[in-house]
Protein backbone atom coordinates (compact mmCIF):
# COMPACT_ATOMS: atom_id res chain seq x y z
CA MET A 1 -116.38 53.93 -17.76
CA THR A 2 -119.10 51.78 -17.29
CA LYS A 3 -122.72 52.25 -18.67
CA LYS A 4 -123.89 53.18 -15.60
CA GLU A 5 -121.26 55.97 -15.07
CA ASP A 6 -121.99 57.54 -18.09
CA LEU A 7 -125.66 57.29 -17.47
CA GLN A 8 -125.03 59.28 -14.03
CA LYS A 9 -122.79 62.07 -15.96
CA LYS A 10 -124.97 62.52 -18.65
CA LEU A 11 -127.96 62.67 -16.23
CA ILE A 12 -125.65 65.28 -14.24
CA GLU A 13 -124.81 66.92 -17.22
CA PHE A 14 -128.79 67.39 -18.17
CA GLN A 15 -129.96 68.58 -14.78
CA ILE A 16 -127.10 71.35 -15.08
CA LEU A 17 -128.16 72.35 -18.93
CA ASP A 18 -131.44 71.98 -17.40
CA ALA A 19 -130.92 74.43 -14.33
CA ASN A 20 -128.94 77.07 -16.54
CA PHE A 21 -132.00 77.00 -18.99
CA LYS A 22 -134.37 77.86 -16.00
CA MET A 23 -132.06 80.44 -14.93
CA LEU A 24 -132.54 81.75 -18.52
CA GLN A 25 -136.22 81.31 -18.56
CA GLU A 26 -136.23 83.90 -15.40
CA ARG A 27 -134.44 86.31 -16.60
CA ALA A 28 -136.25 86.82 -19.39
CA GLU A 29 -139.16 87.48 -17.44
CA ILE A 30 -137.87 89.60 -15.28
CA LEU A 31 -136.57 91.66 -18.56
CA ASN A 32 -140.42 91.23 -19.99
CA LYS A 33 -141.73 92.97 -17.01
CA LYS A 34 -139.01 95.73 -16.85
CA LEU A 35 -139.87 96.33 -20.77
CA GLU A 36 -143.77 96.39 -20.09
CA GLU A 37 -143.04 99.18 -17.39
CA LEU A 38 -140.67 101.15 -19.19
CA GLN A 39 -142.97 100.85 -22.16
CA LYS A 40 -146.10 102.06 -19.73
CA THR A 41 -143.76 104.63 -18.63
CA GLY A 42 -143.06 106.05 -22.00
CA VAL A 43 -146.92 106.12 -22.92
CA ALA A 44 -147.55 108.00 -19.76
CA ILE A 45 -144.76 110.94 -20.27
CA GLU A 46 -146.47 110.96 -24.18
CA GLU A 47 -149.47 111.57 -22.48
CA LEU A 48 -148.17 114.38 -20.56
CA LYS A 49 -148.29 116.68 -23.89
CA THR A 50 -151.85 117.24 -23.79
CA THR A 51 -151.84 117.51 -20.24
CA LYS A 52 -152.76 120.83 -18.29
CA PRO A 53 -151.84 121.83 -14.78
CA GLU A 54 -154.49 119.50 -12.71
CA LYS A 55 -154.89 117.60 -9.87
CA ALA A 56 -153.66 114.04 -9.96
CA LEU A 57 -153.51 111.41 -7.68
CA ILE A 58 -149.94 110.72 -6.75
CA PRO A 59 -148.94 107.02 -5.88
CA LEU A 60 -147.30 106.55 -2.42
CA GLY A 61 -147.17 102.61 -2.49
CA SER A 62 -148.84 99.50 -1.30
CA GLY A 63 -152.08 100.90 -3.25
CA ASN A 64 -151.92 104.27 -1.12
CA PHE A 65 -152.39 107.52 -2.95
CA VAL A 66 -152.50 111.05 -2.14
CA TYR A 67 -153.76 114.23 -3.88
CA GLY A 68 -151.61 116.25 -5.68
CA GLU A 69 -150.82 118.88 -8.69
CA ILE A 70 -149.21 118.18 -11.52
CA GLU A 71 -147.74 121.57 -12.24
CA ASN A 72 -145.03 121.30 -14.97
CA CYS A 73 -145.77 118.86 -17.71
CA ASP A 74 -142.18 119.57 -20.02
CA GLU A 75 -140.18 118.39 -17.25
CA ILE A 76 -139.66 114.95 -16.16
CA ILE A 77 -137.74 113.89 -12.95
CA VAL A 78 -135.33 111.20 -14.26
CA GLY A 79 -133.76 108.42 -12.16
CA VAL A 80 -130.30 107.41 -13.14
CA GLY A 81 -129.17 104.84 -10.32
CA ASN A 82 -128.16 104.94 -6.88
CA GLY A 83 -131.13 106.94 -5.77
CA VAL A 84 -129.97 109.89 -7.99
CA ALA A 85 -132.84 111.54 -10.14
CA ILE A 86 -132.20 114.36 -12.49
CA LYS A 87 -134.43 116.48 -14.01
CA LYS A 88 -134.83 116.35 -18.26
CA LYS A 89 -136.99 117.60 -21.06
CA ARG A 90 -139.96 115.31 -21.54
CA GLU A 91 -138.38 114.61 -24.72
CA GLU A 92 -134.87 113.83 -23.30
CA ALA A 93 -136.73 111.65 -20.79
CA LEU A 94 -138.65 109.58 -24.05
CA LYS A 95 -134.77 109.14 -25.43
CA ASN A 96 -133.61 107.85 -22.62
CA LEU A 97 -136.51 105.36 -21.94
CA ASP A 98 -136.50 104.03 -25.96
CA SER A 99 -132.03 103.96 -24.77
CA ARG A 100 -133.20 101.67 -21.83
CA ILE A 101 -136.13 99.86 -24.03
CA LYS A 102 -133.45 98.96 -26.59
CA GLU A 103 -130.77 97.65 -24.16
CA ILE A 104 -133.67 95.27 -23.07
CA GLU A 105 -134.62 94.01 -26.12
CA LYS A 106 -131.33 93.41 -27.09
CA ASP A 107 -130.47 91.19 -23.91
CA MET A 108 -134.11 89.62 -24.55
CA ASN A 109 -132.57 88.65 -28.38
CA ASP A 110 -129.90 87.23 -26.36
CA ILE A 111 -131.38 85.34 -23.89
CA ILE A 112 -133.65 83.79 -26.73
CA LYS A 113 -130.53 82.86 -28.67
CA GLN A 114 -129.18 81.32 -25.67
CA SER A 115 -132.43 79.66 -24.63
CA SER A 116 -132.17 78.02 -28.58
CA ALA A 117 -128.73 76.79 -27.69
CA PHE A 118 -129.62 74.90 -24.40
CA VAL A 119 -132.73 73.41 -26.09
CA ILE A 120 -130.70 71.88 -28.63
CA GLN A 121 -128.30 70.44 -26.15
CA LEU A 122 -130.88 69.39 -23.80
CA GLU A 123 -132.23 67.47 -26.56
CA LYS A 124 -129.25 65.98 -27.49
CA VAL A 125 -128.26 65.02 -24.23
CA GLN A 126 -131.56 63.74 -23.46
CA GLN A 127 -131.13 61.39 -26.63
CA GLU A 128 -128.09 59.80 -25.10
CA ILE A 129 -129.47 59.22 -21.77
CA GLU A 130 -132.56 57.45 -23.54
CA LYS A 131 -129.38 55.51 -25.88
CA LEU A 132 -127.74 54.30 -22.09
CA GLN A 133 -130.62 53.33 -20.22
CA LYS A 134 -131.67 50.48 -23.47
């Protein structure tokens, strides 16, 4: 294989590694947003412990709200996937959130490890490219 062919091969390898690295970064951003959402939900559920029945603004979406009344702060309707929701006690809902948070944190740690490996590979291929360009 000629030096030019080696260089082209390394450039393609670098582009593939870089694309995969960027996909990992995007996945990390998505997970981070989900983690923040779950943590905020946990805080809101915790605050329900001290909430008495009262009027509240209920979000409809797109910045639209309706007034409603919170009647029961001890039970939470929890989405379990595929449009299905079930009623759970507040503490059960918090445990459910906590386990989801732990799953996301584990996934994020995995992404950090994978990202580190990609950075090492990218640096190695970059050095090989620089050698071939001389």
